[in-house]
Protein backbone atom coordinates (compact mmCIF):
# COMPACT_ATOMS: atom_id res chain seq x y z
CA MET A 1 -113.76 -162.28 -33.95
CA LYS A 2 -111.18 -160.33 -31.20
CA ASP A 3 -109.08 -163.64 -30.87
CA VAL A 4 -109.36 -164.28 -35.02
CA ASN A 5 -107.57 -160.43 -34.58
CA ASP A 6 -105.50 -160.74 -31.86
CA SER A 7 -104.27 -163.92 -33.58
CA LEU A 8 -103.69 -161.88 -37.13
CA GLU A 9 -102.01 -159.38 -35.17
CA ASN A 10 -99.49 -162.27 -33.96
CA PHE A 11 -99.28 -163.69 -36.93
CA SER A 12 -98.05 -160.13 -38.45
CA ARG A 13 -96.01 -159.30 -36.24
CA ILE A 14 -94.25 -162.68 -35.85
CA VAL A 15 -94.15 -162.56 -39.94
CA LEU A 16 -92.72 -159.00 -40.31
CA GLU A 17 -89.90 -159.98 -37.58
CA LYS A 18 -89.03 -162.73 -39.72
CA ALA A 19 -89.07 -160.62 -42.78
CA PHE A 20 -86.96 -158.00 -40.28
CA LYS A 21 -84.72 -160.98 -39.86
CA ILE A 22 -84.46 -161.79 -43.11
CA ARG A 23 -83.58 -158.10 -43.91
CA ASP A 24 -80.84 -157.72 -41.39
CA ASP A 25 -78.87 -161.75 -42.74
CA MET A 26 -79.04 -160.12 -46.12
CA GLU A 27 -78.00 -156.49 -45.74
CA ASP A 28 -75.43 -157.80 -42.95
CA ASP A 29 -74.88 -161.23 -45.47
CA LEU A 30 -74.33 -158.86 -48.90
CA LYS A 31 -72.52 -156.22 -45.98
CA LYS A 32 -69.93 -158.88 -45.11
CA ARG A 33 -69.59 -160.04 -48.69
CA THR A 34 -69.23 -156.11 -50.31
CA GLU A 35 -66.45 -156.06 -48.31
CA LYS A 36 -64.74 -159.53 -48.79
CA THR A 37 -64.73 -158.12 -52.66
CA MET A 38 -63.86 -155.12 -51.68
CA GLU A 39 -60.60 -156.26 -50.09
CA GLU A 40 -60.44 -158.98 -52.54
CA LYS A 41 -60.17 -155.96 -55.05
CA GLU A 42 -58.27 -153.51 -53.13
CA ASN A 43 -54.99 -156.78 -52.86
CA PHE A 44 -55.51 -157.18 -56.56
CA TYR A 45 -55.13 -153.99 -56.88
CA LEU A 46 -53.17 -153.03 -54.79
CA GLU A 47 -50.28 -156.76 -55.64
CA GLU A 48 -51.23 -155.51 -58.68
CA ALA A 49 -49.94 -152.04 -58.24
CA TYR A 50 -46.97 -153.09 -56.46
CA ARG A 51 -46.04 -155.37 -58.94
CA LYS A 52 -45.88 -152.52 -61.69
CA ILE A 53 -43.81 -150.54 -59.04
CA GLN A 54 -41.77 -152.69 -59.05
CA ALA A 55 -40.85 -153.33 -62.64
CA GLY A 56 -41.12 -149.45 -62.31
CA LYS A 57 -38.34 -149.62 -59.89
CA SER A 58 -35.99 -152.77 -61.31
CA LYS A 59 -36.20 -150.91 -64.41
CA ILE A 60 -35.24 -147.59 -62.98
CA ILE A 61 -32.90 -149.62 -60.91
CA GLN A 62 -30.93 -151.72 -64.36
CA GLU A 63 -30.92 -148.15 -65.83
CA VAL A 64 -29.22 -146.03 -62.71
CA ASN A 65 -26.96 -149.16 -63.43
CA LYS A 66 -26.54 -148.44 -66.71
CA ASN A 67 -25.90 -145.15 -66.76
CA ILE A 68 -23.36 -145.53 -63.81
CA SER A 69 -21.17 -148.76 -65.43
CA LYS A 70 -21.48 -145.82 -68.29
CA VAL A 71 -20.55 -143.07 -66.03
CA LYS A 72 -17.39 -145.23 -64.48
CA LEU A 73 -15.84 -146.16 -68.32
CA GLU A 74 -15.60 -142.88 -69.07
CA GLY A 75 -14.16 -141.27 -66.49
CA LYS A 76 -11.46 -144.68 -66.44
CA LYS A 77 -11.17 -143.49 -70.19
CA GLU A 78 -10.40 -140.06 -68.75
CA LEU A 79 -8.16 -140.78 -66.52
CA ILE A 80 -6.23 -143.27 -67.96
CA ILE A 81 -5.58 -140.10 -71.31
CA LYS A 82 -4.83 -137.60 -68.51
CA ARG A 83 -2.43 -140.21 -66.79
CA ASN A 84 -0.57 -141.27 -70.09
CA GLU A 85 -0.40 -137.29 -70.61
CA ILE A 86 0.93 -137.08 -67.07
CA ILE A 87 3.36 -139.73 -67.22
CA GLU A 88 4.79 -138.96 -70.53
CA GLU A 89 5.72 -135.29 -69.64
CA VAL A 90 7.39 -136.43 -66.93
CA PHE A 91 9.61 -139.02 -68.51
CA ASN A 92 9.71 -136.62 -70.84
CA ASN A 93 12.01 -133.99 -68.38
CA ILE A 94 13.54 -136.91 -67.33
CA ILE A 95 14.64 -138.30 -71.35
CA ILE A 96 16.15 -134.90 -71.57
CA ARG A 97 17.73 -134.87 -67.95
CA ILE A 98 19.67 -138.06 -69.44
CA LYS A 99 20.34 -137.38 -72.30
CA GLU A 100 21.76 -134.19 -70.72
CA PHE A 101 23.86 -136.29 -68.45
CA ILE A 102 25.07 -138.59 -72.01
CA ASP A 103 26.44 -135.43 -73.69
CA SER A 104 28.22 -134.16 -70.42
CA ASP A 105 32.17 -134.99 -69.65
CA ASN A 106 30.72 -137.94 -66.17
CA TYR A 107 28.94 -139.73 -68.86
CA TYR A 108 32.20 -141.66 -69.72
CA GLU A 109 33.10 -142.33 -66.37
CA TRP A 110 29.58 -143.59 -65.44
CA LEU A 111 29.18 -145.86 -68.31
CA PHE A 112 32.54 -147.49 -67.74
CA ASN A 113 32.00 -147.90 -63.49
CA LYS A 114 28.77 -149.95 -64.42
CA ILE A 115 30.19 -151.76 -66.90
CA LYS A 116 32.70 -152.89 -64.99
CA GLY A 117 30.37 -153.81 -62.03
CA SER A 118 28.06 -155.87 -63.69
CA VAL A 119 31.30 -157.50 -66.13
CA LYS A 120 32.34 -158.68 -62.41
CA THR A 121 29.47 -160.93 -61.81
CA ILE A 122 30.21 -162.83 -64.69
CA ALA A 123 32.92 -164.71 -62.88
CA ASP A 124 33.83 -167.66 -65.05
CA ASP A 125 33.02 -166.24 -68.28
CA ASN A 126 36.22 -164.69 -70.07
CA ASP A 127 34.26 -164.25 -73.61
CA ILE A 128 32.38 -160.61 -73.18
CA LEU A 129 30.30 -158.68 -75.52
CA ILE A 130 29.10 -155.31 -74.81
CA ASN A 131 26.07 -154.20 -76.50
CA ILE A 132 26.09 -149.68 -76.13
CA ASN A 133 23.52 -147.72 -77.99
CA LYS A 134 24.37 -145.96 -81.60
CA THR A 135 24.75 -142.88 -79.50
CA ASP A 136 28.22 -143.91 -77.68
CA GLU A 137 29.88 -144.65 -80.90
CA LYS A 138 32.17 -142.61 -79.63
CA HIS A 139 32.87 -144.12 -77.04
CA VAL A 140 33.50 -147.71 -78.31
CA ASN A 141 37.72 -148.00 -78.54
CA ASP A 142 37.58 -146.34 -75.08
CA LEU A 143 35.82 -148.81 -73.65
CA GLU A 144 37.33 -151.81 -74.99
CA ASN A 145 40.85 -150.59 -74.70
CA ASP A 146 39.76 -149.51 -71.16
CA LEU A 147 37.71 -153.33 -70.33
CA ASN A 148 40.46 -154.89 -71.64
CA ASP A 149 43.30 -153.39 -69.69
CA TYR A 150 40.82 -154.07 -66.74
CA PHE A 151 39.92 -157.55 -67.45
CA LYS A 152 43.14 -158.75 -68.54
CA THR A 153 41.51 -162.31 -68.55
CA LYS A 154 38.99 -161.23 -70.04
CA GLN A 155 38.92 -161.24 -74.02
CA ILE A 156 36.63 -158.13 -74.23
CA LYS A 157 34.54 -156.43 -77.61
CA VAL A 158 32.31 -153.37 -77.72
CA CYS A 159 29.61 -153.57 -80.71
CA ILE A 160 26.80 -151.30 -80.89
CA ILE A 161 23.21 -152.12 -81.06
CA PRO A 162 22.03 -150.70 -84.53
CA ASP A 163 18.27 -151.42 -83.91
CA ASN A 164 17.88 -150.56 -80.41
CA ASP A 165 17.56 -147.23 -79.39
CA ILE A 166 18.26 -148.17 -75.53
CA ILE A 167 18.87 -144.76 -74.50
CA GLY A 168 22.39 -145.50 -72.87
CA GLY A 169 24.17 -147.97 -70.33
CA ALA A 170 24.66 -151.15 -71.93
CA VAL A 171 23.52 -154.72 -72.83
CA ILE A 172 26.22 -157.26 -71.53
CA LEU A 173 26.58 -160.96 -72.78
CA GLY A 174 28.70 -163.87 -71.29
CA LYS A 175 29.10 -165.22 -74.86
CA SER A 176 30.00 -169.19 -73.50
CA LYS A 177 28.05 -169.58 -70.59
CA ASN A 178 24.89 -167.31 -72.54
CA PHE A 179 24.91 -164.52 -69.62
CA LEU A 180 22.83 -161.53 -69.84
CA ILE A 181 22.77 -158.35 -68.06
CA ASN A 182 20.63 -155.36 -69.00
CA ILE A 183 21.87 -152.54 -67.45
CA SER A 184 20.82 -150.17 -69.98
CA ILE A 185 18.99 -146.87 -69.35
CA LYS A 186 15.87 -147.93 -71.37
CA GLU A 187 15.75 -151.20 -68.86
CA LYS A 188 15.72 -148.59 -65.71
CA MET A 189 13.34 -146.21 -67.33
CA LYS A 190 10.75 -149.39 -67.26
CA ASP A 191 11.44 -149.85 -63.71
CA VAL A 192 11.21 -146.10 -62.58
CA LYS A 193 8.23 -146.45 -64.30
CA GLY A 194 6.23 -148.61 -62.76
CA GLN A 195 7.68 -147.22 -59.14
CA PHE A 196 6.51 -144.00 -60.50
CA LEU A 197 2.66 -145.68 -61.13
CA LYS A 198 3.17 -146.86 -57.46
CA GLN A 199 4.16 -144.36 -55.23
CA SER A 200 2.70 -141.86 -57.18
CA LYS A 201 -0.77 -143.84 -56.76
CA MET A 202 -1.48 -143.46 -60.32
CA THR A 203 -2.58 -147.26 -61.77
CA VAL A 204 -5.82 -146.66 -62.75
CA GLU A 205 -8.51 -150.07 -61.22
């Protein structure tokens, strides 16, 4: 009987040990599977969150860049408007000074010398047409006489430009050689304006 009881106890112990072992293995497997599942879920949600963050970040960056471009464009427009206002004011003042000079006693001498110097460069053309501004009409006869007296071998005609305000100065044409020299104040103003923009650093990129 004792042997039977001992055998039963051993059997029960062995069964219990196996049961505990199976339980531990199952718990360990469940723990591992739970950890794996949690890790996978965690990774999934992290990736999902990252994707949403990145999508949101990309959208935010696009919106920011759009707003920056809009601000830059508006700023550039304002700069151009302000720049043009400054340029207009500066050159309006210059034109006022130029017109004061044109109305002065010194203007005719300046005009004659400018035309004389330019005509000298047209050495091989003896048929010259001088075009001057409508506001300089009073100088036509004096210019024509003085220039023909100075250039005795050339035929010089002085005319008014009817439909083009060149402010002052002249546009000189060598008729036989089709040679043109523009020494008008309007042309000079174009050059001065370009230099002004560069030197004042008022160009808008």
